[in-house]
Amino acid sequence: MEHWIQVLRDISLVEFVLLAALTALQWIRHRIRGAGWVALSFAILGGISLVLKFAPSWVAHVTVAKVLVALLLIMPYCLFRFATSFRDASDAVHVLAVAMTVAIVAFTFWLQYLPLSGVAPPPHWLAFRILFLVQFTFLFAYVVVRLFMAGVGEPPVAAYRMRLLAVAVAGLQVQVVVAALALQGTTTELITEMLTVLMGILFLTALVLPSFLRVPLSRREDVAFKRAVTELVTAGGSKDVGDRLLPHVCALVGASKASLLTRDGAVVAQYSTPADSKVRGRWDIRHENDRTRGRIKDEQRRINVRTTGGDTHILAVKISPYMPYFGSEELRKLDQLSSMVGLAIERCEMAEQIAFAASHDSLTGLANRSMFMERLEEALGHVGRRSASLALMFIDLDRFKLVNDRADHSAGDLVLKEMANRMTAMTRGVDLVARFGGDEFVALAEVDHEEDAYEMADRIRRGLSEPIDFGDAQLEVTSSIGVVVTSDDSTPSTHILQDADNAMYDAKRAGRDQVVMYRATSQDTANRKWGIDPEAAARLSAG
């Protein structure tokens, strides 16, 4: 049995040295919150194990023995600080943890000596063992409860690792009780060494989770997440990308809230889990971490979403403070996601640009004829519901050809863009302004009275006649406007457009720079009855 005890001791030595090396490497490479404390814990255990294995004679020296025991007594406090580095404990708990650790370390150096096998214990040895048991039990119990309860609501992998770590610490606590009670015997020693090896395996699994365990634990979330990523190709816009993806992002990393933002912080899409609704306070997306009285509540992870145009969006997630340590692989997937989201957003933006180009004028950005006619048909269907009448204004710039002849085409483009900007500024947000081509514009507005339509058209006419700066000179361009007001939803849209066009030509014949209201005549009625185009007839006499 002594042989197996020695074998188990050698195995546990390898485990603790390996844990010390892996946790130290993790802390050096990533500097994750809490990693330093857990690395120090296993550095103490690994270092003590190496001394006991390769330099047992050192333990015979009283001072060295006391230093080793003091380091062992500091280890529970390191694990306590590891657990509280994610969510801080109360001030009272902190004070008690420090006080007990300082007291037991001081007690260790105050003892005359540490009893070895076959040596009578020094005075106050029983009190030391009791304080030793109380300190370990309090700190380990706090770590076990904190880690086990913190696993609730976390993603499967993170929850599994946290609970494994809690069980491993509980196993250490059992060994402490055995040591404090001074239970002896070969069988007891064998069981204790077996428990030590088992705890080493649990620590390794919890702190460095193997992939063969990680994959099945996160399979459901990974499958749902991959499905959501593949669905991004059918998203209709940036908001749709966010609406489809954010719920799965929250499930993958255990986030309580996720947002897709523009570079200036405007929210494109946002998703919150039911757990987030229980948390009071506003999530400030401008700051990396959410703190209350200096204690970390939740952590924010912000990822730049890249497209060919650069960083255009930000993916912000509100995660628990445990995730950077226990869910680092899941957070790396989140980092990798940024390029896929960028591609999806870029594809949506290209589709939006194509759709915009198909329905808008490339020079002025106004709606084109196709979009205007669609909106006109829709507006005719609503006449009499939202407003009494519908007003259509046909706007033609007077003698626009002279601008290009006397200056150049750049002057003509400048005038067209300036006129488009002015018309947009002088109409309401619910109105529609379009360019039909050349120097022809149209405007559509809902009005209650014919006088409202005339006042609006005259305001546009006066605004368009204001001089336009062009280099050192000024250009003055007037406009002729024809206005049709109808409350009849059965009137064909092409007839309304023709009537407005005819009224515009009447304004030109009247001397230009005029607003003319269309008045139906018996001749117009006859022309439509016999299929004669009144627009062509009107143009014959217009200048």
Protein backbone atom coordinates (compact mmCIF):
# COMPACT_ATOMS: atom_id res chain seq x y z
CA MET A 1 0.00 0.00 0.00
CA GLU A 2 2.96 2.28 0.66
CA HIS A 3 3.89 1.86 -3.01
CA TRP A 4 0.52 3.10 -4.21
CA ILE A 5 0.58 5.99 -1.78
CA GLN A 6 3.92 7.07 -3.24
CA VAL A 7 2.62 6.68 -6.80
CA LEU A 8 -0.40 8.83 -5.99
CA ARG A 9 1.87 11.45 -4.41
CA ASP A 10 3.97 11.57 -7.57
CA ILE A 11 0.86 11.94 -9.71
CA SER A 12 -0.49 14.76 -7.54
CA LEU A 13 2.95 16.43 -7.68
CA VAL A 14 2.83 16.42 -11.48
CA GLU A 15 -0.73 17.74 -11.43
CA PHE A 16 0.01 20.67 -9.13
CA VAL A 17 3.23 21.61 -10.95
CA LEU A 18 1.34 21.42 -14.25
CA LEU A 19 -1.45 23.56 -12.81
CA ALA A 20 1.07 26.11 -11.58
CA ALA A 21 2.70 26.30 -15.01
CA LEU A 22 -0.57 26.48 -16.98
CA THR A 23 -2.22 29.10 -14.75
CA ALA A 24 0.96 31.20 -14.73
CA LEU A 25 1.13 31.03 -18.53
CA GLN A 26 -2.53 31.97 -18.75
CA TRP A 27 -1.98 35.00 -16.55
CA ILE A 28 1.15 36.11 -18.43
CA ARG A 29 -0.46 35.76 -21.88
CA HIS A 30 -3.96 37.11 -21.26
CA ARG A 31 -3.94 38.99 -17.92
CA ILE A 32 -7.56 37.99 -17.37
CA ARG A 33 -9.15 39.27 -14.17
CA GLY A 34 -8.62 36.71 -11.38
CA ALA A 35 -5.95 34.76 -13.28
CA GLY A 36 -3.14 36.17 -11.14
CA TRP A 37 -4.70 34.97 -7.88
CA VAL A 38 -5.37 31.44 -9.10
CA ALA A 39 -1.86 31.28 -10.58
CA LEU A 40 -0.42 32.30 -7.19
CA SER A 41 -2.55 29.63 -5.44
CA PHE A 42 -1.19 26.81 -7.56
CA ALA A 43 2.33 28.24 -7.54
CA ILE A 44 2.20 27.84 -3.74
CA LEU A 45 0.83 24.28 -3.93
CA GLY A 46 3.24 23.29 -6.69
CA GLY A 47 6.22 24.86 -4.94
CA ILE A 48 5.45 23.16 -1.61
CA SER A 49 4.98 19.82 -3.38
CA LEU A 50 8.38 20.17 -5.10
CA VAL A 51 10.13 21.01 -1.81
CA LEU A 52 8.56 18.03 -0.04
CA LYS A 53 9.55 15.74 -2.90
CA PHE A 54 13.07 16.87 -3.71
CA ALA A 55 14.25 18.68 -0.55
CA PRO A 56 12.51 17.03 2.41
CA SER A 57 15.45 17.85 4.68
CA TRP A 58 14.56 21.53 4.46
CA VAL A 59 11.41 20.84 6.45
CA ALA A 60 13.56 19.89 9.45
CA HIS A 61 14.63 23.53 9.68
CA VAL A 62 12.06 25.31 11.87
CA THR A 63 12.04 28.60 9.94
CA VAL A 64 11.72 26.90 6.54
CA ALA A 65 8.92 24.69 7.85
CA LYS A 66 7.08 27.72 9.21
CA VAL A 67 7.48 29.58 5.88
CA LEU A 68 6.06 26.62 3.96
CA VAL A 69 3.10 26.31 6.33
CA ALA A 70 2.50 30.09 6.17
CA LEU A 71 2.44 29.93 2.38
CA LEU A 72 -0.01 27.04 2.55
CA LEU A 73 -2.22 29.14 4.84
CA ILE A 74 -2.12 32.05 2.38
CA MET A 75 -3.37 29.80 -0.45
CA PRO A 76 -7.07 29.83 0.69
CA TYR A 77 -6.95 33.63 0.79
CA CYS A 78 -5.63 33.65 -2.80
CA LEU A 79 -8.56 31.49 -3.91
CA PHE A 80 -10.88 33.82 -1.98
CA ARG A 81 -9.45 36.80 -3.86
CA PHE A 82 -9.86 34.83 -7.10
CA ALA A 83 -13.58 34.36 -6.40
CA THR A 84 -14.10 37.99 -5.34
CA SER A 85 -12.21 39.43 -8.30
CA PHE A 86 -15.32 38.80 -10.43
CA ARG A 87 -18.01 40.00 -8.02
CA ASP A 88 -16.69 41.71 -4.93
CA ALA A 89 -17.60 40.62 -1.41
CA SER A 90 -18.84 42.96 1.28
CA ASP A 91 -16.35 44.99 3.30
CA ALA A 92 -17.08 42.87 6.40
CA VAL A 93 -16.27 39.63 4.59
CA HIS A 94 -13.04 41.13 3.24
CA VAL A 95 -11.96 42.31 6.67
CA LEU A 96 -12.75 38.93 8.22
CA ALA A 97 -10.82 37.06 5.50
CA VAL A 98 -7.74 39.25 5.94
CA ALA A 99 -7.94 39.13 9.74
CA MET A 100 -8.14 35.33 9.89
CA THR A 101 -5.32 34.89 7.36
CA VAL A 102 -3.04 37.34 9.16
CA ALA A 103 -3.89 35.74 12.51
CA ILE A 104 -3.14 32.17 11.45
CA VAL A 105 0.12 33.19 9.70
CA ALA A 106 1.21 35.13 12.79
CA PHE A 107 0.20 32.18 14.97
CA THR A 108 2.38 29.92 12.80
CA PHE A 109 5.50 31.99 13.43
CA TRP A 110 4.62 32.42 17.11
CA LEU A 111 4.65 28.67 17.72
CA GLN A 112 7.89 27.37 19.17
CA TYR A 113 8.14 24.69 16.51
CA LEU A 114 6.02 22.59 14.20
CA PRO A 115 5.69 19.02 15.38
CA LEU A 116 7.07 16.38 13.05
CA SER A 117 6.20 12.71 13.18
CA GLY A 118 6.97 11.30 16.63
CA VAL A 119 7.57 14.74 18.17
CA ALA A 120 5.33 16.07 20.93
CA PRO A 121 3.21 19.07 19.87
CA PRO A 122 4.20 22.52 21.15
CA PRO A 123 2.01 24.58 23.51
CA HIS A 124 -1.22 25.98 22.01
CA TRP A 125 -1.07 23.44 19.17
CA LEU A 126 -4.76 22.61 19.58
CA ALA A 127 -5.74 26.29 19.31
CA PHE A 128 -3.62 26.55 16.18
CA ARG A 129 -5.37 23.57 14.61
CA ILE A 130 -8.78 25.03 15.45
CA LEU A 131 -7.92 28.43 13.92
CA PHE A 132 -6.41 26.60 10.94
CA LEU A 133 -9.67 24.68 10.44
CA VAL A 134 -11.83 27.81 10.86
CA GLN A 135 -9.78 29.85 8.38
CA PHE A 136 -9.72 27.18 5.69
CA THR A 137 -13.39 26.30 6.20
CA PHE A 138 -14.57 29.91 6.01
CA LEU A 139 -12.54 30.85 2.94
CA PHE A 140 -13.06 27.59 1.06
CA ALA A 141 -16.78 27.54 1.86
CA TYR A 142 -17.11 31.09 0.55
CA VAL A 143 -15.28 30.15 -2.68
CA VAL A 144 -17.37 26.98 -3.16
CA VAL A 145 -20.72 28.73 -2.65
CA ARG A 146 -19.76 31.77 -4.72
CA LEU A 147 -18.56 29.73 -7.72
CA PHE A 148 -21.37 27.20 -7.58
CA MET A 149 -24.10 29.86 -7.37
CA ALA A 150 -22.43 32.03 -10.01
CA GLY A 151 -22.82 29.22 -12.54
CA VAL A 152 -26.58 29.81 -12.64
CA GLY A 153 -27.47 31.62 -15.86
CA GLU A 154 -24.02 31.23 -17.42
CA PRO A 155 -23.44 29.36 -20.72
CA PRO A 156 -23.02 25.57 -20.29
CA VAL A 157 -19.23 25.54 -20.67
CA ALA A 158 -18.64 28.37 -18.19
CA ALA A 159 -21.15 26.95 -15.70
CA TYR A 160 -19.54 23.50 -15.95
CA ARG A 161 -16.05 24.87 -15.33
CA MET A 162 -17.18 27.00 -12.37
CA ARG A 163 -18.96 24.09 -10.69
CA LEU A 164 -16.05 21.73 -11.29
CA LEU A 165 -13.78 24.26 -9.63
CA ALA A 166 -16.22 24.55 -6.71
CA VAL A 167 -16.22 20.75 -6.26
CA ALA A 168 -12.41 20.66 -6.42
CA VAL A 169 -12.13 23.32 -3.71
CA ALA A 170 -14.67 21.38 -1.63
CA GLY A 171 -12.39 18.34 -1.98
CA LEU A 172 -9.49 20.37 -0.63
CA GLN A 173 -11.69 21.34 2.29
CA VAL A 174 -12.26 17.66 3.09
CA GLN A 175 -8.52 17.13 3.17
CA VAL A 176 -8.13 20.11 5.51
CA VAL A 177 -10.67 18.60 7.89
CA VAL A 178 -8.80 15.30 7.84
CA ALA A 179 -5.53 17.11 8.61
CA ALA A 180 -7.09 19.24 11.36
CA LEU A 181 -8.59 16.20 13.05
CA ALA A 182 -5.19 14.46 12.88
CA LEU A 183 -6.70 11.33 11.39
CA GLN A 184 -3.93 8.83 10.76
CA GLY A 185 -3.43 5.37 9.34
CA THR A 186 -2.36 3.85 6.06
CA THR A 187 -5.91 3.58 4.74
CA THR A 188 -6.65 7.18 5.62
CA GLU A 189 -3.43 8.27 3.94
CA LEU A 190 -4.26 6.29 0.80
CA ILE A 191 -7.76 7.75 0.57
CA THR A 192 -6.35 11.23 1.15
CA GLU A 193 -3.81 10.81 -1.66
CA MET A 194 -6.51 9.43 -3.99
CA LEU A 195 -8.65 12.44 -3.17
CA THR A 196 -5.69 14.73 -3.88
CA VAL A 197 -5.21 13.18 -7.33
CA LEU A 198 -8.92 13.47 -8.04
CA MET A 199 -8.89 17.12 -6.99
CA GLY A 200 -5.93 17.74 -9.29
CA ILE A 201 -7.87 16.26 -12.21
CA LEU A 202 -10.89 18.41 -11.39
CA PHE A 203 -8.73 21.54 -11.13
CA LEU A 204 -7.09 20.80 -14.48
CA THR A 205 -10.44 20.12 -16.12
CA ALA A 206 -12.02 23.27 -14.65
CA LEU A 207 -9.15 25.62 -15.43
CA VAL A 208 -8.02 24.11 -18.75
CA LEU A 209 -11.15 22.47 -20.15
CA PRO A 210 -10.28 19.85 -22.82
CA SER A 211 -11.91 20.23 -26.21
CA PHE A 212 -13.53 16.78 -26.05
CA LEU A 213 -15.58 18.08 -23.12
CA ARG A 214 -16.08 21.59 -24.44
CA VAL A 215 -17.66 20.52 -27.76
CA PRO A 216 -20.59 18.46 -26.39
CA LEU A 217 -21.30 21.01 -23.66
CA SER A 218 -21.73 23.87 -26.12
CA ARG A 219 -23.18 21.88 -29.04
CA ARG A 220 -26.72 23.29 -28.80
CA GLU A 221 -25.59 26.92 -28.61
CA ASP A 222 -23.02 26.40 -31.38
CA VAL A 223 -25.59 24.83 -33.72
CA ALA A 224 -28.09 27.65 -33.14
CA PHE A 225 -25.35 30.24 -33.56
CA LYS A 226 -24.08 28.73 -36.83
CA ARG A 227 -27.65 28.61 -38.14
CA ALA A 228 -28.08 32.29 -37.33
CA VAL A 229 -24.82 33.14 -39.10
CA THR A 230 -25.92 31.29 -42.25
CA GLU A 231 -29.23 33.17 -42.16
CA LEU A 232 -27.38 36.48 -42.33
CA VAL A 233 -27.21 36.16 -46.13
CA THR A 234 -30.97 36.78 -46.27
CA ALA A 235 -30.95 39.77 -43.91
CA GLY A 236 -32.55 42.87 -45.37
CA GLY A 237 -30.52 45.53 -43.58
CA SER A 238 -28.23 46.33 -40.65
CA LYS A 239 -31.14 46.21 -38.21
CA ASP A 240 -32.24 42.86 -39.57
CA VAL A 241 -28.68 41.55 -39.14
CA GLY A 242 -28.76 42.61 -35.49
CA ASP A 243 -32.28 41.30 -34.84
CA ARG A 244 -31.35 37.86 -36.18
CA LEU A 245 -27.95 37.57 -34.55
CA LEU A 246 -28.12 39.25 -31.13
CA PRO A 247 -30.32 36.62 -29.38
CA HIS A 248 -27.83 33.91 -30.35
CA VAL A 249 -24.90 36.09 -29.29
CA CYS A 250 -26.48 36.39 -25.83
CA ALA A 251 -26.99 32.61 -25.66
CA LEU A 252 -23.41 31.89 -26.76
CA VAL A 253 -21.63 34.12 -24.23
CA GLY A 254 -24.30 34.34 -21.53
CA ALA A 255 -24.83 38.05 -22.17
CA SER A 256 -27.83 39.73 -20.59
CA LYS A 257 -27.93 42.39 -23.31
CA ALA A 258 -26.40 42.89 -26.74
CA SER A 259 -26.49 45.87 -29.09
CA LEU A 260 -25.36 46.64 -32.61
CA LEU A 261 -24.25 50.27 -32.74
CA THR A 262 -23.03 52.70 -35.34
CA ARG A 263 -19.61 54.30 -34.83
CA ASP A 264 -21.23 57.38 -33.26
CA GLY A 265 -23.11 55.24 -30.72
CA ALA A 266 -26.57 55.19 -32.30
CA VAL A 267 -28.40 51.92 -31.60
CA VAL A 268 -29.16 49.92 -34.76
CA ALA A 269 -30.55 46.83 -33.01
CA GLN A 270 -30.74 45.66 -29.41
CA TYR A 271 -31.71 42.48 -27.56
CA SER A 272 -32.20 41.93 -23.82
CA THR A 273 -32.72 38.67 -21.97
CA PRO A 274 -35.38 38.36 -19.22
CA ALA A 275 -32.55 38.42 -16.66
CA ASP A 276 -31.57 41.93 -17.74
CA SER A 277 -35.02 43.28 -16.93
CA LYS A 278 -34.45 42.35 -13.27
CA VAL A 279 -31.35 44.54 -13.08
CA ARG A 280 -31.98 48.13 -12.15
CA GLY A 281 -30.15 50.94 -13.78
CA ARG A 282 -29.24 51.94 -17.29
CA TRP A 283 -26.59 50.21 -19.34
CA ASP A 284 -24.11 52.86 -20.38
CA ILE A 285 -22.65 51.62 -23.67
CA ARG A 286 -20.04 54.38 -23.60
CA HIS A 287 -18.05 52.74 -20.77
CA GLU A 288 -16.24 49.43 -20.79
CA ASN A 289 -17.47 48.22 -17.40
CA ASP A 290 -20.56 48.77 -15.30
CA ARG A 291 -19.57 49.54 -11.71
CA THR A 292 -21.56 50.16 -8.57
CA ARG A 293 -19.67 51.81 -5.68
CA GLY A 294 -16.44 50.76 -7.33
CA ARG A 295 -17.44 47.08 -7.48
CA ILE A 296 -17.81 45.40 -10.84
CA LYS A 297 -21.36 44.30 -11.62
CA ASP A 298 -21.12 43.44 -15.29
CA GLU A 299 -18.54 43.72 -18.00
CA GLN A 300 -19.00 45.15 -21.45
CA ARG A 301 -17.25 43.63 -24.44
CA ARG A 302 -17.04 45.91 -27.49
CA ILE A 303 -16.04 44.53 -30.88
CA ASN A 304 -15.40 46.60 -33.98
CA VAL A 305 -17.32 45.35 -37.01
CA ARG A 306 -15.16 45.76 -40.10
CA THR A 307 -16.23 46.23 -43.70
CA THR A 308 -14.19 47.28 -46.73
CA GLY A 309 -14.94 50.85 -45.72
CA GLY A 310 -13.32 50.34 -42.29
CA ASP A 311 -14.88 50.01 -38.84
CA THR A 312 -18.50 50.97 -39.45
CA HIS A 313 -20.33 49.37 -36.51
CA ILE A 314 -19.74 48.17 -32.96
CA LEU A 315 -21.08 44.98 -31.38
CA ALA A 316 -21.46 45.59 -27.64
CA VAL A 317 -22.43 42.80 -25.24
CA LYS A 318 -23.15 42.98 -21.52
CA ILE A 319 -21.60 39.85 -20.06
CA SER A 320 -21.10 38.59 -16.54
CA PRO A 321 -17.62 39.30 -15.09
CA TYR A 322 -16.95 35.54 -14.93
CA MET A 323 -17.00 35.08 -18.71
CA PRO A 324 -13.52 36.44 -19.58
CA TYR A 325 -12.00 33.70 -17.40
CA PHE A 326 -14.45 30.81 -17.68
CA GLY A 327 -15.77 31.53 -21.19
CA SER A 328 -12.69 32.77 -23.02
CA GLU A 329 -13.23 30.42 -25.98
CA GLU A 330 -16.79 31.66 -26.45
CA LEU A 331 -15.58 35.26 -26.37
CA ARG A 332 -12.99 34.42 -29.03
CA LYS A 333 -15.83 33.19 -31.24
CA LEU A 334 -17.44 36.57 -30.66
CA ASP A 335 -14.28 38.28 -31.89
CA GLN A 336 -14.23 36.07 -35.00
CA LEU A 337 -17.86 36.94 -35.64
CA SER A 338 -17.07 40.59 -36.40
CA SER A 339 -15.85 39.84 -39.94
CA MET A 340 -18.99 37.83 -40.76
CA VAL A 341 -21.24 40.55 -39.40
CA GLY A 342 -19.25 43.09 -41.41
CA LEU A 343 -19.78 41.09 -44.60
CA ALA A 344 -23.51 40.77 -43.91
CA ILE A 345 -23.87 44.49 -43.20
CA GLU A 346 -21.82 45.36 -46.27
CA ARG A 347 -24.03 43.12 -48.45
CA CYS A 348 -27.15 44.77 -46.99
CA GLU A 349 -25.72 48.23 -47.54
CA MET A 350 -24.89 47.37 -51.16
CA ALA A 351 -28.45 46.10 -51.65
CA GLU A 352 -29.77 49.30 -50.07
CA GLN A 353 -27.57 51.38 -52.37
CA ILE A 354 -28.80 49.48 -55.42
CA ALA A 355 -32.40 49.90 -54.30
CA PHE A 356 -31.79 53.60 -53.64
CA ALA A 357 -30.20 54.09 -57.07
CA ALA A 358 -33.21 52.39 -58.69
CA SER A 359 -35.66 54.77 -57.05
CA HIS A 360 -33.71 58.02 -56.76
CA ASP A 361 -32.08 60.57 -59.03
CA SER A 362 -28.30 60.12 -59.05
CA LEU A 363 -27.50 63.86 -59.21
CA THR A 364 -29.87 65.36 -56.64
CA GLY A 365 -30.77 62.35 -54.48
CA LEU A 366 -34.46 63.11 -54.96
CA ALA A 367 -37.00 60.44 -55.83
CA ASN A 368 -37.15 59.59 -59.53
CA ARG A 369 -40.21 59.26 -61.79
CA SER A 370 -40.76 55.58 -60.96
CA MET A 371 -40.80 56.11 -57.20
CA PHE A 372 -42.92 59.24 -57.52
CA MET A 373 -45.61 57.46 -59.53
CA GLU A 374 -45.74 54.65 -56.97
CA ARG A 375 -46.17 57.14 -54.13
CA LEU A 376 -48.75 59.07 -56.12
CA GLU A 377 -50.83 55.90 -56.57
CA GLU A 378 -50.60 55.19 -52.82
CA ALA A 379 -51.53 58.79 -51.94
CA LEU A 380 -54.60 58.70 -54.21
CA GLY A 381 -55.80 55.65 -52.29
CA HIS A 382 -55.65 57.64 -49.04
CA VAL A 383 -57.36 60.82 -50.27
CA GLY A 384 -60.16 61.79 -47.93
CA ARG A 385 -58.83 59.71 -45.02
CA ARG A 386 -55.78 61.54 -43.74
CA SER A 387 -56.53 64.87 -45.43
CA ALA A 388 -59.19 66.45 -47.59
CA SER A 389 -57.19 66.78 -50.82
CA LEU A 390 -53.99 65.93 -52.63
CA ALA A 391 -51.83 68.60 -54.30
CA LEU A 392 -49.44 67.87 -57.16
CA MET A 393 -47.02 70.58 -58.29
CA PHE A 394 -45.15 70.42 -61.58
CA ILE A 395 -42.05 72.68 -61.35
CA ASP A 396 -39.99 73.66 -64.39
CA LEU A 397 -36.93 75.93 -64.23
CA ASP A 398 -37.24 78.88 -66.63
CA ARG A 399 -34.65 79.19 -69.39
CA PHE A 400 -32.40 76.64 -67.70
CA LYS A 401 -30.63 75.99 -71.01
CA LEU A 402 -29.09 79.45 -70.79
CA VAL A 403 -27.26 78.45 -67.59
CA ASN A 404 -25.35 75.72 -69.41
CA ASP A 405 -24.82 77.91 -72.48
CA ARG A 406 -23.48 80.96 -70.61
CA ALA A 407 -21.52 79.09 -67.92
CA ASP A 408 -20.86 75.35 -68.23
CA HIS A 409 -22.42 72.03 -67.28
CA SER A 410 -20.94 72.17 -63.79
CA ALA A 411 -22.99 75.32 -63.22
CA GLY A 412 -26.08 73.48 -64.41
CA ASP A 413 -25.43 70.61 -62.01
CA LEU A 414 -24.86 73.09 -59.18
CA VAL A 415 -28.18 74.80 -59.91
CA LEU A 416 -30.09 71.51 -60.06
CA LYS A 417 -28.65 70.31 -56.74
CA GLU A 418 -29.26 73.67 -55.07
CA MET A 419 -32.85 73.76 -56.32
CA ALA A 420 -33.40 70.21 -55.05
CA ASN A 421 -32.05 71.18 -51.61
CA ARG A 422 -34.24 74.26 -51.45
CA MET A 423 -37.39 72.37 -52.43
CA THR A 424 -36.67 69.70 -49.81
CA ALA A 425 -36.14 72.40 -47.16
CA MET A 426 -39.35 74.22 -48.10
CA THR A 427 -41.59 71.14 -47.96
CA ARG A 428 -42.64 69.04 -45.01
CA GLY A 429 -41.16 65.68 -44.10
CA VAL A 430 -44.35 63.91 -45.18
CA ASP A 431 -44.26 65.56 -48.61
CA LEU A 432 -42.41 64.11 -51.59
CA VAL A 433 -40.17 65.97 -54.04
CA ALA A 434 -38.92 64.23 -57.19
CA ARG A 435 -36.88 65.04 -60.26
CA PHE A 436 -38.31 63.79 -63.55
CA GLY A 437 -35.21 64.66 -65.55
CA GLY A 438 -33.58 67.74 -67.00
CA ASP A 439 -34.98 70.80 -65.24
CA GLU A 440 -38.37 69.26 -64.35
CA PHE A 441 -39.34 68.63 -60.73
CA VAL A 442 -42.58 67.55 -59.10
CA ALA A 443 -43.86 67.79 -55.53
CA LEU A 444 -46.67 65.92 -53.81
CA ALA A 445 -48.41 67.10 -50.65
CA GLU A 446 -51.56 66.44 -48.66
CA VAL A 447 -53.58 69.62 -48.06
CA ASP A 448 -56.92 70.57 -46.59
CA HIS A 449 -57.72 73.52 -48.91
CA GLU A 450 -56.74 74.67 -52.36
CA GLU A 451 -55.35 77.88 -50.84
CA ASP A 452 -52.84 75.78 -48.84
CA ALA A 453 -51.54 74.25 -52.05
CA TYR A 454 -51.18 77.65 -53.73
CA GLU A 455 -49.34 79.14 -50.74
CA MET A 456 -46.96 76.21 -50.65
CA ALA A 457 -46.25 76.42 -54.39
CA ASP A 458 -45.71 80.19 -54.21
CA ARG A 459 -43.33 79.74 -51.28
CA ILE A 460 -41.34 77.28 -53.38
CA ARG A 461 -41.33 79.68 -56.36
CA ARG A 462 -40.03 82.55 -54.25
CA GLY A 463 -37.39 80.34 -52.61
CA LEU A 464 -36.11 79.06 -55.94
CA SER A 465 -35.71 82.56 -57.35
CA GLU A 466 -33.11 83.52 -54.73
CA PRO A 467 -29.63 84.05 -56.30
CA ILE A 468 -27.15 81.16 -56.31
CA ASP A 469 -23.46 81.84 -55.71
CA PHE A 470 -21.23 80.46 -58.47
CA GLY A 471 -17.62 81.48 -58.06
CA ASP A 472 -17.46 85.28 -58.11
CA ALA A 473 -20.82 85.54 -59.85
CA GLN A 474 -24.44 84.89 -58.97
CA LEU A 475 -26.99 82.92 -60.95
CA GLU A 476 -30.65 83.79 -60.88
CA VAL A 477 -33.08 81.10 -61.99
CA THR A 478 -36.86 81.38 -61.77
CA SER A 479 -39.47 78.66 -62.05
CA SER A 480 -42.94 78.11 -63.48
CA ILE A 481 -45.22 75.94 -61.36
CA GLY A 482 -48.47 74.24 -62.26
CA VAL A 483 -50.64 72.97 -59.41
CA VAL A 484 -53.45 70.41 -59.38
CA VAL A 485 -55.60 69.79 -56.31
CA THR A 486 -57.87 66.75 -56.26
CA SER A 487 -60.04 64.94 -53.76
CA ASP A 488 -61.20 62.28 -56.23
CA ASP A 489 -59.42 58.97 -55.63
CA SER A 490 -60.74 57.57 -58.92
CA THR A 491 -58.75 60.03 -61.05
CA PRO A 492 -55.90 58.24 -62.87
CA SER A 493 -52.46 59.36 -61.73
CA THR A 494 -51.36 60.04 -65.33
CA HIS A 495 -54.27 62.48 -65.81
CA ILE A 496 -53.33 64.38 -62.64
CA LEU A 497 -49.73 64.62 -63.83
CA GLN A 498 -50.87 65.84 -67.26
CA ASP A 499 -53.10 68.49 -65.69
CA ALA A 500 -50.23 69.79 -63.55
CA ASP A 501 -47.97 69.83 -66.61
CA ASN A 502 -50.58 71.82 -68.56
CA ALA A 503 -50.92 74.31 -65.72
CA MET A 504 -47.12 74.69 -65.67
CA TYR A 505 -47.14 75.55 -69.40
CA ASP A 506 -49.92 78.05 -68.71
CA ALA A 507 -47.55 79.66 -66.18
CA LYS A 508 -44.83 79.90 -68.84
CA ARG A 509 -47.23 81.43 -71.34
CA ALA A 510 -48.26 83.94 -68.66
CA GLY A 511 -44.68 85.23 -68.47
CA ARG A 512 -42.82 82.61 -66.40
CA ASP A 513 -41.98 82.86 -62.68
CA GLN A 514 -45.65 82.15 -62.00
CA VAL A 515 -47.87 79.72 -60.09
CA VAL A 516 -50.95 78.61 -61.98
CA MET A 517 -53.74 76.49 -60.51
CA TYR A 518 -55.20 73.98 -62.95
CA ARG A 519 -58.85 74.57 -63.84
CA ALA A 520 -60.63 71.85 -65.80
CA THR A 521 -62.41 73.08 -68.95
CA SER A 522 -64.99 71.50 -71.21
CA GLN A 523 -62.23 71.15 -73.84
CA ASP A 524 -60.14 69.04 -71.44
CA THR A 525 -63.11 66.83 -70.76
CA ALA A 526 -63.73 66.39 -74.49
CA ASN A 527 -60.06 65.66 -75.19
CA ARG A 528 -60.01 62.88 -72.59
CA LYS A 529 -63.29 61.49 -73.87
CA TRP A 530 -61.88 61.18 -77.42
CA GLY A 531 -58.37 60.17 -76.33
CA ILE A 532 -56.62 63.38 -77.44
CA ASP A 533 -53.50 64.23 -75.45
CA PRO A 534 -54.00 67.75 -74.00
CA GLU A 535 -50.34 67.90 -72.93
CA ALA A 536 -49.11 67.76 -76.51
CA ALA A 537 -51.58 70.47 -77.50
CA ALA A 538 -50.45 72.69 -74.63
CA ARG A 539 -46.76 72.42 -75.54
CA LEU A 540 -47.36 73.75 -79.04
CA SER A 541 -48.03 77.23 -77.67
CA ALA A 542 -45.52 77.23 -74.81
CA GLY A 543 -42.07 78.76 -74.89
